[in-house]
Amino acid sequence: MNIASLDIGSNTILLLIAETDNSSKRIITLREELRIPRIGAGITPNSPMKQEKVNLLFKTLSEYKDIIAEYSCNKVIVTATNAFRIASNAIELVKIIKSELDLDITIVTGKDEAKLSYLGAISSFPDEANYLVIDIGGGSTEIISGYRNEIKFSESYPVGAINLTERFSIKQPLILTEIKRFTEFVKRIFSELDRNNIFTGKTIAIAGTPTILACIKQSLIEYDESIIEGSILTKSEIQEFVEILSKLTPDEIRTKFGGVVSGREDVLFAGTTILHTLIEYLNISEVVVSTKGIRYGAIINYLTKSSNDATN
């Protein structure tokens, strides 16, 4: 059975088309696509998604519909996260997208987003017992820990690479007082996190920030999932990235690191600071980078539910 899974984030919209086996829950990737329309730009709680971003949203979903049609998918799963959670016109958009594109969008809560992120992230590392997953998105950050497929702790924080960049009007390069003000704010956000609730084990970082940092570390000119998946970022390396990025303008970041940062060059500093703050607070020495996340977790969740329904 072929399944298409779309992840509509604040910065990116991702498409996964996979061949699946319902009994084994195995996922074989057939195709992946990425677009960066940044639909979450400028949205604050209860404000509407901007019309230019709505246009890009529809354009991307229309392109994805055509791709999905090539693979005769039996199921299409569409998951929307923080941008849709807070936009005042989200419900209206869901109805229009259903009417015009025949796509059923599910707007997930922060807790459900964390669950899907966790399931997707750990799917590459089935031999481990304890996991901690960090998912830094454009509009929110999810922290999830668990034992195998069982989540023991999860929390979603409404801070991400885009909304923090906009909130602090970050203009790089930054002076020391600006860096301190920003990092102190991020530290306060996560100071509420009870470290006693966090399982120790393999720490997996997913989403754009860690995957792009892994590309930069390995001097990749183009994004290569096969190289990035399972690669390591140490705490000292991430701290060094914070220092480097703070001294460069977005244009300089794009020139220095190439096309792999395109679409993220202006928010990469914020995402990297969030990641560094978290691993420092949780006393983590390194993270394993995974390219998987919600789009994979949504398929795993669907297969699990289908299997449970069949046995009941």
Protein backbone atom coordinates (compact mmCIF):
# COMPACT_ATOMS: atom_id res chain seq x y z
CA MET A 1 0.00 0.00 0.00
CA ASN A 2 1.32 3.43 -0.94
CA ILE A 3 0.75 6.29 1.50
CA ALA A 4 1.44 10.00 1.05
CA SER A 5 2.19 12.01 4.17
CA LEU A 6 2.34 15.82 4.17
CA ASP A 7 3.77 17.83 7.04
CA ILE A 8 2.65 21.48 6.91
CA GLY A 9 5.02 23.36 9.20
CA SER A 10 5.58 27.04 9.87
CA ASN A 11 8.63 27.14 7.59
CA THR A 12 8.55 24.04 5.41
CA ILE A 13 5.95 21.82 3.78
CA LEU A 14 7.26 18.28 3.40
CA LEU A 15 5.94 15.40 1.33
CA LEU A 16 6.75 11.74 1.87
CA ILE A 17 5.45 9.03 -0.42
CA ALA A 18 6.09 5.58 0.95
CA GLU A 19 5.31 1.95 0.33
CA THR A 20 4.10 0.39 3.55
CA ASP A 21 3.45 -2.99 5.08
CA ASN A 22 0.65 -2.84 7.61
CA SER A 23 1.73 -5.98 9.46
CA SER A 24 5.40 -5.09 9.90
CA LYS A 25 4.89 -1.26 9.99
CA ARG A 26 7.79 -1.08 7.53
CA ILE A 27 8.13 2.14 5.55
CA ILE A 28 9.99 2.18 2.25
CA THR A 29 10.58 5.69 0.97
CA LEU A 30 9.57 6.16 -2.64
CA ARG A 31 9.88 9.93 -2.88
CA GLU A 32 10.45 12.99 -0.71
CA GLU A 33 9.84 16.64 -1.54
CA LEU A 34 10.54 19.85 0.36
CA ARG A 35 9.27 23.40 -0.16
CA ILE A 36 9.94 26.43 2.06
CA PRO A 37 6.94 28.78 1.74
CA ARG A 38 7.26 29.91 5.38
CA ILE A 39 3.50 30.20 5.92
CA GLY A 40 4.06 31.01 9.61
CA ALA A 41 5.83 34.31 8.89
CA GLY A 42 4.20 37.22 10.68
CA ILE A 43 1.53 35.14 12.41
CA THR A 44 0.81 35.83 16.06
CA PRO A 45 -1.92 34.01 17.99
CA ASN A 46 -5.36 34.81 16.54
CA SER A 47 -3.98 36.75 13.59
CA PRO A 48 -4.64 35.53 10.02
CA MET A 49 -2.18 33.83 7.73
CA LYS A 50 -1.04 36.43 5.21
CA GLN A 51 -2.58 36.20 1.74
CA GLU A 52 0.79 35.86 0.00
CA LYS A 53 1.56 32.89 2.24
CA VAL A 54 -1.89 31.41 1.60
CA ASN A 55 -1.12 31.60 -2.13
CA LEU A 56 2.19 29.78 -1.61
CA LEU A 57 0.43 27.19 0.54
CA PHE A 58 -2.09 26.44 -2.20
CA LYS A 59 0.63 26.38 -4.86
CA THR A 60 2.68 23.87 -2.88
CA LEU A 61 -0.27 21.63 -2.07
CA SER A 62 -1.36 21.68 -5.71
CA GLU A 63 2.14 20.62 -6.82
CA TYR A 64 2.12 17.85 -4.24
CA LYS A 65 -1.30 16.63 -5.41
CA ASP A 66 0.11 16.12 -8.91
CA ILE A 67 3.09 14.19 -7.51
CA ILE A 68 0.87 12.02 -5.32
CA ALA A 69 -1.25 11.13 -8.34
CA GLU A 70 1.82 9.57 -9.98
CA TYR A 71 2.09 6.96 -7.21
CA SER A 72 -1.53 5.73 -6.91
CA CYS A 73 -1.58 6.35 -3.17
CA ASN A 74 -4.23 4.50 -1.17
CA LYS A 75 -4.10 7.03 1.65
CA VAL A 76 -3.13 10.69 1.94
CA ILE A 77 -2.36 12.06 5.42
CA VAL A 78 -2.03 15.82 5.87
CA THR A 79 -0.76 17.12 9.20
CA ALA A 80 -0.66 20.82 10.06
CA THR A 81 1.14 22.21 13.10
CA ASN A 82 1.75 25.52 14.84
CA ALA A 83 0.97 27.97 12.00
CA PHE A 84 -2.48 26.43 11.63
CA ARG A 85 -2.91 26.14 15.39
CA ILE A 86 -2.61 29.89 15.90
CA ALA A 87 -3.90 31.42 12.64
CA SER A 88 -7.34 32.97 12.98
CA ASN A 89 -8.32 31.87 9.46
CA ALA A 90 -7.11 28.28 9.84
CA ILE A 91 -10.54 26.62 9.88
CA GLU A 92 -11.61 28.58 6.82
CA LEU A 93 -8.44 27.51 5.01
CA VAL A 94 -9.01 23.87 5.92
CA LYS A 95 -12.49 24.03 4.37
CA ILE A 96 -11.28 25.75 1.19
CA ILE A 97 -8.41 23.28 0.76
CA LYS A 98 -10.86 20.40 1.13
CA SER A 99 -13.21 21.96 -1.42
CA GLU A 100 -10.61 22.94 -4.00
CA LEU A 101 -7.91 20.28 -3.58
CA ASP A 102 -9.79 17.46 -1.84
CA LEU A 103 -7.19 17.25 0.91
CA ASP A 104 -8.27 16.61 4.50
CA ILE A 105 -6.01 18.59 6.84
CA THR A 106 -5.67 17.54 10.47
CA ILE A 107 -4.51 20.36 12.76
CA VAL A 108 -2.70 18.57 15.56
CA THR A 109 -2.22 19.81 19.11
CA GLY A 110 1.26 20.38 20.48
CA LYS A 111 1.01 17.05 22.34
CA ASP A 112 -0.01 15.17 19.22
CA GLU A 113 2.73 16.88 17.22
CA ALA A 114 5.22 15.69 19.83
CA LYS A 115 3.93 12.12 19.55
CA LEU A 116 4.26 12.06 15.75
CA SER A 117 7.73 13.62 15.92
CA TYR A 118 8.81 10.97 18.42
CA LEU A 119 7.45 8.03 16.41
CA GLY A 120 9.12 9.29 13.25
CA ALA A 121 12.45 10.06 14.89
CA ILE A 122 12.93 6.74 16.68
CA SER A 123 11.99 4.69 13.59
CA SER A 124 15.61 4.83 12.40
CA PHE A 125 16.98 3.52 15.70
CA PRO A 126 14.85 0.48 16.64
CA ASP A 127 17.51 -1.20 18.77
CA GLU A 128 17.59 1.46 21.47
CA ALA A 129 15.46 1.38 24.62
CA ASN A 130 15.36 4.97 25.89
CA TYR A 131 14.98 8.03 23.69
CA LEU A 132 14.92 11.79 23.98
CA VAL A 133 13.69 13.62 20.87
CA ILE A 134 14.15 17.35 20.24
CA ASP A 135 12.09 18.83 17.39
CA ILE A 136 12.82 22.50 16.66
CA GLY A 137 10.30 23.87 14.20
CA GLY A 138 9.57 27.32 12.88
CA GLY A 139 6.83 28.08 15.39
CA SER A 140 7.26 25.57 18.21
CA THR A 141 9.72 23.21 19.86
CA GLU A 142 8.75 19.75 21.07
CA ILE A 143 10.65 17.75 23.68
CA ILE A 144 9.70 14.09 24.05
CA SER A 145 11.22 11.21 25.96
CA GLY A 146 10.16 7.62 26.19
CA TYR A 147 10.87 3.93 26.38
CA ARG A 148 10.67 2.28 22.97
CA ASN A 149 7.28 3.28 21.45
CA GLU A 150 5.88 4.41 24.79
CA ILE A 151 6.08 8.14 25.45
CA LYS A 152 6.81 8.95 29.10
CA PHE A 153 7.10 12.73 28.80
CA SER A 154 6.28 15.31 26.15
CA GLU A 155 5.96 19.05 26.06
CA SER A 156 5.45 21.58 23.28
CA TYR A 157 6.78 25.11 23.66
CA PRO A 158 5.48 27.94 21.39
CA VAL A 159 9.00 29.03 20.45
CA GLY A 160 10.70 28.23 17.18
CA ALA A 161 13.27 29.53 14.73
CA ILE A 162 10.83 31.83 12.91
CA ASN A 163 8.76 33.32 15.71
CA LEU A 164 11.79 34.00 17.90
CA THR A 165 13.63 35.64 14.99
CA GLU A 166 10.59 37.87 14.41
CA ARG A 167 9.98 38.54 18.10
CA PHE A 168 13.52 39.82 18.64
CA SER A 169 13.81 41.39 15.18
CA ILE A 170 17.13 39.59 14.83
CA LYS A 171 19.41 41.36 12.38
CA GLN A 172 22.77 39.68 12.00
CA PRO A 173 25.60 40.16 12.78
CA LEU A 174 24.67 40.53 16.42
CA ILE A 175 26.43 42.43 19.17
CA LEU A 176 27.08 40.75 22.52
CA THR A 177 24.21 42.48 24.34
CA GLU A 178 21.73 41.27 21.70
CA ILE A 179 23.03 37.71 21.91
CA LYS A 180 22.77 37.77 25.70
CA ARG A 181 19.21 39.14 25.65
CA PHE A 182 18.12 36.47 23.19
CA THR A 183 19.81 33.53 24.93
CA GLU A 184 18.52 34.60 28.36
CA PHE A 185 14.96 34.61 26.99
CA VAL A 186 15.38 31.11 25.54
CA LYS A 187 16.83 29.88 28.84
CA ARG A 188 13.81 31.24 30.74
CA ILE A 189 11.43 29.42 28.41
CA PHE A 190 13.05 26.06 29.07
CA SER A 191 13.77 26.64 32.76
CA GLU A 192 10.26 25.28 33.42
CA LEU A 193 11.33 21.93 31.98
CA ASP A 194 11.66 19.40 34.79
CA ARG A 195 14.86 17.51 34.07
CA ASN A 196 13.74 14.72 36.42
CA ASN A 197 11.00 13.78 33.94
CA ILE A 198 13.41 13.33 31.05
CA PHE A 199 14.62 9.84 30.18
CA THR A 200 18.32 9.50 29.60
CA GLY A 201 19.21 7.61 26.45
CA LYS A 202 19.81 8.27 22.77
CA THR A 203 19.11 11.94 22.06
CA ILE A 204 17.74 12.54 18.57
CA ALA A 205 17.42 16.00 17.01
CA ILE A 206 15.09 16.40 14.05
CA ALA A 207 13.84 19.17 11.72
CA GLY A 208 15.64 21.86 9.75
CA THR A 209 18.11 23.23 12.28
CA PRO A 210 20.05 20.04 13.15
CA THR A 211 19.89 18.65 9.60
CA ILE A 212 21.32 21.85 8.12
CA LEU A 213 24.03 22.02 10.80
CA ALA A 214 24.94 18.42 9.92
CA CYS A 215 25.19 19.44 6.26
CA ILE A 216 27.50 22.34 7.14
CA LYS A 217 29.66 20.15 9.40
CA GLN A 218 30.19 17.68 6.59
CA SER A 219 30.72 20.39 3.96
CA LEU A 220 27.79 19.18 1.86
CA ILE A 221 26.98 21.34 -1.15
CA GLU A 222 23.61 19.63 -1.58
CA TYR A 223 21.27 18.07 0.96
CA ASP A 224 21.93 14.32 1.13
CA GLU A 225 19.66 12.45 3.50
CA SER A 226 21.73 9.26 3.33
CA ILE A 227 24.75 11.12 4.77
CA ILE A 228 22.86 13.24 7.30
CA GLU A 229 20.78 10.45 8.83
CA GLY A 230 22.46 9.20 12.00
CA SER A 231 25.26 11.77 11.98
CA ILE A 232 26.47 13.33 15.24
CA LEU A 233 26.56 16.92 16.50
CA THR A 234 28.45 17.51 19.75
CA LYS A 235 27.65 20.23 22.25
CA SER A 236 30.91 22.02 21.51
CA GLU A 237 30.21 21.93 17.77
CA ILE A 238 26.75 23.40 18.25
CA GLN A 239 28.15 26.13 20.51
CA GLU A 240 30.71 26.94 17.83
CA PHE A 241 27.92 27.20 15.26
CA VAL A 242 26.09 29.70 17.49
CA GLU A 243 29.20 31.86 17.65
CA ILE A 244 29.87 31.64 13.90
CA LEU A 245 26.29 32.36 12.84
CA SER A 246 25.94 35.34 15.18
CA LYS A 247 28.80 37.09 13.37
CA LEU A 248 27.40 36.66 9.84
CA THR A 249 24.58 38.29 7.93
CA PRO A 250 22.03 35.96 6.25
CA ASP A 251 23.61 36.75 2.88
CA GLU A 252 27.03 35.85 4.26
CA ILE A 253 25.66 32.61 5.68
CA ARG A 254 24.24 31.69 2.28
CA THR A 255 27.48 32.59 0.53
CA LYS A 256 29.65 30.73 3.05
CA PHE A 257 27.62 27.54 3.32
CA GLY A 258 25.85 27.36 -0.04
CA GLY A 259 22.46 26.14 -1.14
CA VAL A 260 21.90 23.79 1.81
CA VAL A 261 20.99 26.81 3.98
CA SER A 262 18.75 28.46 1.38
CA GLY A 263 15.42 29.42 2.93
CA ARG A 264 16.77 29.08 6.46
CA GLU A 265 19.75 31.43 6.47
CA ASP A 266 17.91 34.15 8.43
CA VAL A 267 16.47 31.83 11.10
CA LEU A 268 19.33 29.35 11.51
CA PHE A 269 20.93 31.33 14.34
CA ALA A 270 17.71 31.25 16.38
CA GLY A 271 17.19 27.52 15.81
CA THR A 272 20.80 26.75 16.69
CA THR A 273 20.57 28.80 19.89
CA ILE A 274 17.43 26.89 20.92
CA LEU A 275 19.21 23.58 20.32
CA HIS A 276 22.34 24.64 22.21
CA THR A 277 20.33 26.00 25.14
CA LEU A 278 18.38 22.75 25.46
CA ILE A 279 21.32 20.37 25.37
CA GLU A 280 23.24 22.56 27.81
CA TYR A 281 20.27 22.70 30.21
CA LEU A 282 19.73 18.95 29.94
CA ASN A 283 23.48 18.22 30.20
CA ILE A 284 23.60 16.34 26.89
CA SER A 285 27.01 15.88 25.29
CA GLU A 286 25.83 15.11 21.76
CA VAL A 287 22.77 14.59 19.58
CA VAL A 288 22.11 12.16 16.76
CA VAL A 289 20.59 13.88 13.73
CA SER A 290 17.57 12.37 12.04
CA THR A 291 15.89 13.50 8.83
CA LYS A 292 12.65 11.81 9.87
CA GLY A 293 9.85 13.39 11.85
CA ILE A 294 6.13 14.10 11.65
CA ARG A 295 5.59 12.84 8.11
CA TYR A 296 7.02 9.43 9.09
CA GLY A 297 5.34 9.41 12.49
CA ALA A 298 1.95 10.12 10.90
CA ILE A 299 2.26 7.01 8.73
CA ILE A 300 3.41 4.85 11.65
CA ASN A 301 0.51 6.17 13.75
CA TYR A 302 -1.97 5.43 10.96
CA LEU A 303 -0.68 1.88 10.46
CA THR A 304 -0.81 1.22 14.20
CA LYS A 305 -4.40 2.46 14.46
CA SER A 306 -5.43 0.43 11.41
CA SER A 307 -3.87 -2.69 12.89
CA ASN A 308 -5.56 -2.13 16.25
CA ASP A 309 -8.94 -1.53 14.60
CA ALA A 310 -8.57 -4.73 12.60
CA THR A 311 -7.95 -6.82 15.74
CA ASN A 312 -10.81 -5.29 17.76
